[in-house]
Protein backbone atom coordinates (compact mmCIF):
# COMPACT_ATOMS: atom_id res chain seq x y z
CA UNK A 1 113.60 86.99 4.32
CA UNK A 2 111.93 90.36 3.75
CA UNK A 3 112.78 93.28 1.50
CA UNK A 4 111.91 96.74 2.73
CA UNK A 5 111.50 98.55 -0.57
CA UNK A 6 109.47 101.44 0.88
CA UNK A 7 112.20 102.63 3.24
CA UNK A 8 115.63 104.09 2.60
CA UNK A 9 118.32 104.83 5.18
CA UNK A 10 121.32 106.74 3.91
CA UNK A 11 123.64 109.00 5.92
CA UNK A 12 123.36 111.80 3.34
CA UNK A 13 119.54 111.82 3.27
CA UNK A 14 117.80 113.46 6.24
CA UNK A 15 120.85 112.78 8.46
CA UNK A 16 120.39 109.03 8.13
CA UNK A 17 116.77 108.98 9.35
CA UNK A 18 114.53 106.39 7.68
CA UNK A 19 112.64 107.97 4.77
CA UNK A 20 110.20 106.78 2.13
CA UNK A 21 112.30 105.55 -0.80
CA UNK A 22 112.68 108.10 -3.56
CA UNK A 23 111.70 110.97 -1.26
CA UNK A 24 113.06 112.96 1.65
CA UNK A 25 109.90 112.36 3.69
CA UNK A 26 110.76 110.81 7.03
CA UNK A 27 109.03 107.69 8.28
CA UNK A 28 108.72 109.62 11.54
CA UNK A 29 106.31 111.99 9.78
CA UNK A 30 104.09 109.03 8.89
CA UNK A 31 104.21 107.85 12.52
CA UNK A 32 103.24 111.34 13.71
CA UNK A 33 100.26 111.40 11.36
CA UNK A 34 99.12 107.95 12.48
CA UNK A 35 99.51 108.92 16.15
CA UNK A 36 97.07 111.84 15.77
CA UNK A 37 94.52 109.70 13.93
CA UNK A 38 95.11 110.65 10.30
CA UNK A 39 94.20 107.86 7.88
CA UNK A 40 96.61 106.44 5.34
CA UNK A 41 94.49 107.97 2.56
CA UNK A 42 94.65 111.41 4.16
CA UNK A 43 98.42 111.05 4.59
CA UNK A 44 98.77 110.16 0.91
CA UNK A 45 96.74 113.23 -0.04
CA UNK A 46 99.28 115.36 1.84
CA UNK A 47 102.30 113.58 0.35
CA UNK A 48 101.45 112.55 -3.24
CA UNK A 49 105.04 111.47 -3.97
CA UNK A 50 104.54 108.46 -1.68
CA UNK A 51 102.81 105.48 -3.24
CA UNK A 52 100.02 103.58 -1.56
CA UNK A 53 102.19 100.44 -1.52
CA UNK A 54 104.95 102.33 0.29
CA UNK A 55 102.53 103.69 2.87
CA UNK A 56 100.96 100.28 3.46
CA UNK A 57 104.35 98.63 3.91
CA UNK A 58 105.23 101.15 6.61
CA UNK A 59 101.71 100.98 8.09
CA UNK A 60 102.27 97.25 8.57
CA UNK A 61 105.33 98.08 10.69
CA UNK A 62 103.30 100.66 12.65
CA UNK A 63 100.66 98.01 13.39
CA UNK A 64 103.38 95.65 14.60
CA UNK A 65 104.56 98.45 16.94
CA UNK A 66 108.05 98.78 15.50
CA UNK A 67 109.84 101.87 16.78
CA UNK A 68 111.71 104.19 14.44
CA UNK A 69 115.01 102.89 15.83
CA UNK A 70 113.93 99.31 15.15
CA UNK A 71 112.94 100.20 11.59
CA UNK A 72 116.29 101.87 11.02
CA UNK A 73 118.07 98.78 12.35
CA UNK A 74 115.98 96.47 10.12
CA UNK A 75 116.73 98.48 7.02
CA UNK A 76 120.37 99.30 7.67
CA UNK A 77 121.36 96.18 9.60
CA UNK A 78 124.08 93.71 8.67
CA UNK A 79 121.95 91.98 6.05
CA UNK A 80 121.20 95.17 4.15
CA UNK A 81 122.58 96.07 0.79
CA UNK A 82 122.50 99.03 -1.57
CA UNK A 83 120.80 98.49 -4.89
CA UNK A 84 123.22 100.39 -7.14
CA UNK A 85 120.68 100.80 -9.94
CA UNK A 86 118.06 102.38 -7.73
CA UNK A 87 120.10 103.96 -4.93
CA UNK A 88 117.97 102.22 -2.35
CA UNK A 89 118.92 100.21 0.64
CA UNK A 90 117.05 96.99 1.04
CA UNK A 91 117.16 94.71 4.05
CA UNK A 92 116.39 91.09 4.49
CA UNK A 93 114.97 89.89 7.76
């Protein structure tokens, strides 16, 4: 069982694209930065609203070669739930 606390998927936020929780910054943006060789530290300098823990959780998925569609499915799949106190969707895998 795994909680994805760094990622939110909600139909009213960025058209349902996976974003970093508490932001409107798409996970796709992180992937784009990693693809062109930007380090996690450099990414965090550009997006200070994202925590290091959030970035490292997503970086782990990048290293495992998860696609954006797979991440969205993990987070918003049948085992996911909305944390009413935080407005975040968490998934268990």
